Amino acid sequence: MRIRAAAPAELPALQDLERAAGAPFRDLGMPEIADDDPPALDVLERYRRSGRCWVAADEEDRPVAYLTAEPVDGALHVEQVSVHPRAARRGVGRALLAHAAHRAHEEDLPALTLTTFTEVPWNAPYYARLGFRVLPEPDLTPGLRRIRAKEAAHGLDRWRRVCMRLELPRGEETCGGPSR
């Protein structure tokens, strides 16, 4: 598996990947999440052009997962990380997060942030195992509050969600692996 920048021609494949990654939410009684539209191509292109849309590619160089991020209030905010179910439980998401942490470190951003569902095993419990901590409501930055308000307007607050933060170490190790 190789982590690299997404190519322009791959963006429709990332939408398909997002749909596949969402399907397991149906089994948790969250069909609205499973049926949610993936990011539009122009949104994915904006992340790609900013240098913050990365894919995990298989041995044939096809994306099996992707991550988008952007700076928010002095941290690198992980907007989306999606892993195709066929590639799940193989460290692909962890590798993408380690790559994002390395990039944040290169940009002098001291942390990763994200928003996630609390009761989905591959969401908040997974991120907690990687060292992310839940941010109490009073500790949310203005940018994180805007993101949460947008999510609530989209209906995501039907299920409990939290903001989480991972402080990045100054050394080489991030998110449980080398930051390369």
C-alpha atoms as a PDB file:
ATOM      1  CA  MET A   1       0.000   0.000   0.000  1.00  0.00           C
ATOM      2  CA  ARG A   2       1.232   3.442  -0.914  1.00  0.00           C
ATOM      3  CA  ILE A   3      -0.048   6.817   0.311  1.00  0.00           C
ATOM      4  CA  ARG A   4       0.031   9.502  -2.374  1.00  0.00           C
ATOM      5  CA  ALA A   5      -1.801  12.561  -3.644  1.00  0.00           C
ATOM      6  CA  ALA A   6      -5.064  11.881  -5.440  1.00  0.00           C
ATOM      7  CA  ALA A   7      -4.973  12.339  -9.210  1.00  0.00           C
ATOM      8  CA  PRO A   8      -7.666  14.439 -10.926  1.00  0.00           C
ATOM      9  CA  ALA A   9      -8.982  11.456 -12.894  1.00  0.00           C
ATOM     10  CA  GLU A  10      -9.464   9.466  -9.653  1.00  0.00           C
ATOM     11  CA  LEU A  11     -12.009  11.798  -8.069  1.00  0.00           C
ATOM     12  CA  PRO A  12     -15.073   9.916  -9.414  1.00  0.00           C
ATOM     13  CA  ALA A  13     -13.526   6.704  -8.046  1.00  0.00           C
ATOM     14  CA  LEU A  14     -13.238   8.401  -4.655  1.00  0.00           C
ATOM     15  CA  GLN A  15     -16.969   9.072  -4.769  1.00  0.00           C
ATOM     16  CA  ASP A  16     -17.576   5.361  -5.462  1.00  0.00           C
ATOM     17  CA  LEU A  17     -15.199   4.466  -2.650  1.00  0.00           C
ATOM     18  CA  GLU A  18     -17.156   6.786  -0.315  1.00  0.00           C
ATOM     19  CA  ARG A  19     -20.427   5.047  -1.196  1.00  0.00           C
ATOM     20  CA  ALA A  20     -18.895   1.636  -0.494  1.00  0.00           C
ATOM     21  CA  ALA A  21     -17.374   2.841   2.785  1.00  0.00           C
ATOM     22  CA  GLY A  22     -20.760   4.173   3.871  1.00  0.00           C
ATOM     23  CA  ALA A  23     -22.636   0.910   3.282  1.00  0.00           C
ATOM     24  CA  PRO A  24     -21.719  -0.674   6.671  1.00  0.00           C
ATOM     25  CA  PHE A  25     -23.602   2.141   8.435  1.00  0.00           C
ATOM     26  CA  ARG A  26     -26.823   0.497   7.224  1.00  0.00           C
ATOM     27  CA  ASP A  27     -26.126  -2.496   9.498  1.00  0.00           C
ATOM     28  CA  LEU A  28     -25.915  -0.103  12.477  1.00  0.00           C
ATOM     29  CA  GLY A  29     -29.369   1.324  11.818  1.00  0.00           C
ATOM     30  CA  MET A  30     -27.958   4.421  10.147  1.00  0.00           C
ATOM     31  CA  PRO A  31     -29.318   4.110   6.572  1.00  0.00           C
ATOM     32  CA  GLU A  32     -29.256   7.890   6.124  1.00  0.00           C
ATOM     33  CA  ILE A  33     -25.485   7.827   6.492  1.00  0.00           C
ATOM     34  CA  ALA A  34     -25.178   4.879   4.113  1.00  0.00           C
ATOM     35  CA  ASP A  35     -27.302   6.744   1.547  1.00  0.00           C
ATOM     36  CA  ASP A  36     -25.642  10.149   2.001  1.00  0.00           C
ATOM     37  CA  ASP A  37     -24.143  11.586  -1.154  1.00  0.00           C
ATOM     38  CA  PRO A  38     -20.354  11.567  -1.359  1.00  0.00           C
ATOM     39  CA  PRO A  39     -18.520  14.874  -1.646  1.00  0.00           C
ATOM     40  CA  ALA A  40     -19.131  16.579  -4.979  1.00  0.00           C
ATOM     41  CA  LEU A  41     -16.345  16.485  -7.543  1.00  0.00           C
ATOM     42  CA  ASP A  42     -15.678  20.209  -7.164  1.00  0.00           C
ATOM     43  CA  VAL A  43     -15.254  19.751  -3.403  1.00  0.00           C
ATOM     44  CA  LEU A  44     -12.836  16.869  -3.889  1.00  0.00           C
ATOM     45  CA  GLU A  45     -10.977  18.928  -6.505  1.00  0.00           C
ATOM     46  CA  ARG A  46     -10.632  21.809  -4.045  1.00  0.00           C
ATOM     47  CA  TYR A  47      -8.966  19.474  -1.524  1.00  0.00           C
ATOM     48  CA  ARG A  48      -6.810  17.940  -4.255  1.00  0.00           C
ATOM     49  CA  ARG A  49      -5.623  21.330  -5.523  1.00  0.00           C
ATOM     50  CA  SER A  50      -4.762  22.425  -1.997  1.00  0.00           C
ATOM     51  CA  GLY A  51      -2.567  19.313  -1.651  1.00  0.00           C
ATOM     52  CA  ARG A  52      -4.800  17.800   1.028  1.00  0.00           C
ATOM     53  CA  CYS A  53      -6.501  14.870  -0.672  1.00  0.00           C
ATOM     54  CA  TRP A  54      -4.516  11.674  -0.255  1.00  0.00           C
ATOM     55  CA  VAL A  55      -5.247   8.129  -1.297  1.00  0.00           C
ATOM     56  CA  ALA A  56      -4.036   4.767  -0.123  1.00  0.00           C
ATOM     57  CA  ALA A  57      -3.355   2.844  -3.308  1.00  0.00           C
ATOM     58  CA  ASP A  58      -3.252  -0.930  -3.694  1.00  0.00           C
ATOM     59  CA  GLU A  59      -0.587  -2.939  -5.518  1.00  0.00           C
ATOM     60  CA  GLU A  60      -2.157  -1.935  -8.854  1.00  0.00           C
ATOM     61  CA  ASP A  61      -2.064   1.754  -7.790  1.00  0.00           C
ATOM     62  CA  ARG A  62      -5.861   1.971  -7.418  1.00  0.00           C
ATOM     63  CA  PRO A  63      -7.286   3.927  -4.475  1.00  0.00           C
ATOM     64  CA  VAL A  64      -8.728   1.765  -1.694  1.00  0.00           C
ATOM     65  CA  ALA A  65      -9.109   4.640   0.772  1.00  0.00           C
ATOM     66  CA  TYR A  66      -8.817   8.397   0.908  1.00  0.00           C
ATOM     67  CA  LEU A  67      -8.480  11.261   3.339  1.00  0.00           C
ATOM     68  CA  THR A  68      -9.257  14.963   2.921  1.00  0.00           C
ATOM     69  CA  ALA A  69      -8.148  17.635   5.357  1.00  0.00           C
ATOM     70  CA  GLU A  70      -7.778  21.382   5.773  1.00  0.00           C
ATOM     71  CA  PRO A  71      -6.329  23.724   8.371  1.00  0.00           C
ATOM     72  CA  VAL A  72      -8.906  24.833  10.957  1.00  0.00           C
ATOM     73  CA  ASP A  73      -7.950  27.099  13.837  1.00  0.00           C
ATOM     74  CA  GLY A  74      -4.297  26.084  13.921  1.00  0.00           C
ATOM     75  CA  ALA A  75      -4.771  22.326  13.510  1.00  0.00           C
ATOM     76  CA  LEU A  76      -5.154  20.060  10.489  1.00  0.00           C
ATOM     77  CA  HIS A  77      -8.809  19.054  10.453  1.00  0.00           C
ATOM     78  CA  VAL A  78      -9.548  15.638   8.953  1.00  0.00           C
ATOM     79  CA  GLU A  79     -12.710  16.288   7.006  1.00  0.00           C
ATOM     80  CA  GLN A  80     -13.141  12.756   5.712  1.00  0.00           C
ATOM     81  CA  VAL A  81     -11.359   9.452   5.912  1.00  0.00           C
ATOM     82  CA  SER A  82     -12.984   6.578   4.046  1.00  0.00           C
ATOM     83  CA  VAL A  83     -11.742   3.031   3.584  1.00  0.00           C
ATOM     84  CA  HIS A  84     -13.343   0.578   1.175  1.00  0.00           C
ATOM     85  CA  PRO A  85     -14.753  -2.379   3.162  1.00  0.00           C
ATOM     86  CA  ARG A  86     -12.477  -4.773   1.227  1.00  0.00           C
ATOM     87  CA  ALA A  87      -9.453  -2.906   2.615  1.00  0.00           C
ATOM     88  CA  ALA A  88     -10.797  -2.455   6.147  1.00  0.00           C
ATOM     89  CA  ARG A  89      -8.967  -3.759   9.222  1.00  0.00           C
ATOM     90  CA  ARG A  90      -5.577  -3.686   7.501  1.00  0.00           C
ATOM     91  CA  GLY A  91      -4.161  -0.449   8.891  1.00  0.00           C
ATOM     92  CA  VAL A  92      -5.104   1.615   5.837  1.00  0.00           C
ATOM     93  CA  GLY A  93      -6.975   4.287   7.797  1.00  0.00           C
ATOM     94  CA  ARG A  94      -4.166   4.429  10.345  1.00  0.00           C
ATOM     95  CA  ALA A  95      -1.630   4.912   7.542  1.00  0.00           C
ATOM     96  CA  LEU A  96      -3.651   7.769   6.053  1.00  0.00           C
ATOM     97  CA  LEU A  97      -3.938   9.427   9.455  1.00  0.00           C
ATOM     98  CA  ALA A  98      -0.191   9.008  10.016  1.00  0.00           C
ATOM     99  CA  HIS A  99       0.411  10.666   6.651  1.00  0.00           C
ATOM    100  CA  ALA A 100      -1.903  13.543   7.582  1.00  0.00           C
ATOM    101  CA  ALA A 101      -0.105  13.889  10.926  1.00  0.00           C
ATOM    102  CA  HIS A 102       3.243  14.043   9.151  1.00  0.00           C
ATOM    103  CA  ARG A 103       1.939  16.726   6.790  1.00  0.00           C
ATOM    104  CA  ALA A 104       0.519  18.690   9.730  1.00  0.00           C
ATOM    105  CA  HIS A 105       3.914  18.520  11.404  1.00  0.00           C
ATOM    106  CA  GLU A 106       5.569  19.803   8.202  1.00  0.00           C
ATOM    107  CA  GLU A 107       3.153  22.754   8.231  1.00  0.00           C
ATOM    108  CA  ASP A 108       3.845  23.487  11.921  1.00  0.00           C
ATOM    109  CA  LEU A 109       0.313  22.468  12.874  1.00  0.00           C
ATOM    110  CA  PRO A 110       0.478  20.858  16.341  1.00  0.00           C
ATOM    111  CA  ALA A 111      -2.598  18.631  16.116  1.00  0.00           C
ATOM    112  CA  LEU A 112      -5.154  16.766  14.052  1.00  0.00           C
ATOM    113  CA  THR A 113      -8.848  17.325  14.697  1.00  0.00           C
ATOM    114  CA  LEU A 114     -11.934  15.563  13.410  1.00  0.00           C
ATOM    115  CA  THR A 115     -15.617  15.096  14.119  1.00  0.00           C
ATOM    116  CA  THR A 116     -17.099  11.640  14.403  1.00  0.00           C
ATOM    117  CA  PHE A 117     -19.891   9.424  15.685  1.00  0.00           C
ATOM    118  CA  THR A 118     -19.455   8.217  19.255  1.00  0.00           C
ATOM    119  CA  GLU A 119     -21.237   4.872  18.959  1.00  0.00           C
ATOM    120  CA  VAL A 120     -19.767   3.603  15.679  1.00  0.00           C
ATOM    121  CA  PRO A 121     -16.931   1.160  16.438  1.00  0.00           C
ATOM    122  CA  TRP A 122     -14.754   2.357  13.546  1.00  0.00           C
ATOM    123  CA  ASN A 123     -15.312   6.006  14.510  1.00  0.00           C
ATOM    124  CA  ALA A 124     -14.739   7.534  17.995  1.00  0.00           C
ATOM    125  CA  PRO A 125     -13.622   4.286  19.709  1.00  0.00           C
ATOM    126  CA  TYR A 126     -11.106   3.677  16.903  1.00  0.00           C
ATOM    127  CA  TYR A 127      -9.751   7.231  17.024  1.00  0.00           C
ATOM    128  CA  ALA A 128      -9.446   7.023  20.813  1.00  0.00           C
ATOM    129  CA  ARG A 129      -7.253   3.929  20.395  1.00  0.00           C
ATOM    130  CA  LEU A 130      -5.013   6.033  18.123  1.00  0.00           C
ATOM    131  CA  GLY A 131      -4.635   8.686  20.814  1.00  0.00           C
ATOM    132  CA  PHE A 132      -7.353  11.178  19.881  1.00  0.00           C
ATOM    133  CA  ARG A 133      -9.225  12.671  22.836  1.00  0.00           C
ATOM    134  CA  VAL A 134     -12.760  14.017  22.927  1.00  0.00           C
ATOM    135  CA  LEU A 135     -12.878  17.792  23.143  1.00  0.00           C
ATOM    136  CA  PRO A 136     -15.395  19.062  25.696  1.00  0.00           C
ATOM    137  CA  GLU A 137     -17.894  21.507  24.219  1.00  0.00           C
ATOM    138  CA  PRO A 138     -16.315  24.570  25.939  1.00  0.00           C
ATOM    139  CA  ASP A 139     -12.947  23.701  24.339  1.00  0.00           C
ATOM    140  CA  LEU A 140     -14.213  23.782  20.750  1.00  0.00           C
ATOM    141  CA  THR A 141     -12.599  26.441  18.599  1.00  0.00           C
ATOM    142  CA  PRO A 142     -14.756  28.756  16.462  1.00  0.00           C
ATOM    143  CA  GLY A 143     -13.923  26.740  13.344  1.00  0.00           C
ATOM    144  CA  LEU A 144     -14.904  23.458  14.983  1.00  0.00           C
ATOM    145  CA  ARG A 145     -18.152  25.043  16.162  1.00  0.00           C
ATOM    146  CA  ARG A 146     -18.902  26.071  12.556  1.00  0.00           C
ATOM    147  CA  ILE A 147     -18.178  22.539  11.338  1.00  0.00           C
ATOM    148  CA  ARG A 148     -20.454  21.044  14.000  1.00  0.00           C
ATOM    149  CA  ALA A 149     -23.233  23.519  13.135  1.00  0.00           C
ATOM    150  CA  LYS A 150     -22.962  22.551   9.468  1.00  0.00           C
ATOM    151  CA  GLU A 151     -23.118  18.859  10.407  1.00  0.00           C
ATOM    152  CA  ALA A 152     -26.167  19.467  12.593  1.00  0.00           C
ATOM    153  CA  ALA A 153     -27.882  21.316   9.743  1.00  0.00           C
ATOM    154  CA  HIS A 154     -27.156  18.294   7.547  1.00  0.00           C
ATOM    155  CA  GLY A 155     -28.923  16.043  10.080  1.00  0.00           C
ATOM    156  CA  LEU A 156     -25.880  14.263  11.453  1.00  0.00           C
ATOM    157  CA  ASP A 157     -26.799  15.101  15.053  1.00  0.00           C
ATOM    158  CA  ARG A 158     -29.513  12.488  14.958  1.00  0.00           C
ATOM    159  CA  TRP A 159     -26.690  10.311  16.286  1.00  0.00           C
ATOM    160  CA  ARG A 160     -24.278  11.521  18.968  1.00  0.00           C
ATOM    161  CA  ARG A 161     -21.164  13.162  17.552  1.00  0.00           C
ATOM    162  CA  VAL A 162     -18.036  14.616  19.093  1.00  0.00           C
ATOM    163  CA  CYS A 163     -14.977  16.604  18.112  1.00  0.00           C
ATOM    164  CA  MET A 164     -11.676  14.883  18.793  1.00  0.00           C
ATOM    165  CA  ARG A 165      -8.084  16.110  18.820  1.00  0.00           C
ATOM    166  CA  LEU A 166      -4.725  14.392  18.576  1.00  0.00           C
ATOM    167  CA  GLU A 167      -1.750  16.389  19.827  1.00  0.00           C
ATOM    168  CA  LEU A 168       1.194  15.593  17.587  1.00  0.00           C
ATOM    169  CA  PRO A 169       4.507  14.659  19.143  1.00  0.00           C
ATOM    170  CA  ARG A 170       7.591  16.560  18.109  1.00  0.00           C
ATOM    171  CA  GLY A 171       9.387  13.357  17.123  1.00  0.00           C
ATOM    172  CA  GLU A 172       8.973  10.932  14.241  1.00  0.00           C
ATOM    173  CA  GLU A 173       6.111   8.824  15.574  1.00  0.00           C
ATOM    174  CA  THR A 174       2.484   9.824  14.922  1.00  0.00           C
ATOM    175  CA  CYS A 175      -0.799   7.891  14.922  1.00  0.00           C
ATOM    176  CA  GLY A 176       0.878   4.661  15.893  1.00  0.00           C
ATOM    177  CA  GLY A 177       3.370   4.552  13.068  1.00  0.00           C
ATOM    178  CA  PRO A 178       6.182   6.308  11.309  1.00  0.00           C
ATOM    179  CA  SER A 179       5.126   9.606   9.834  1.00  0.00           C
ATOM    180  CA  ARG A 180       6.435   8.836   6.373  1.00  0.00           C
END
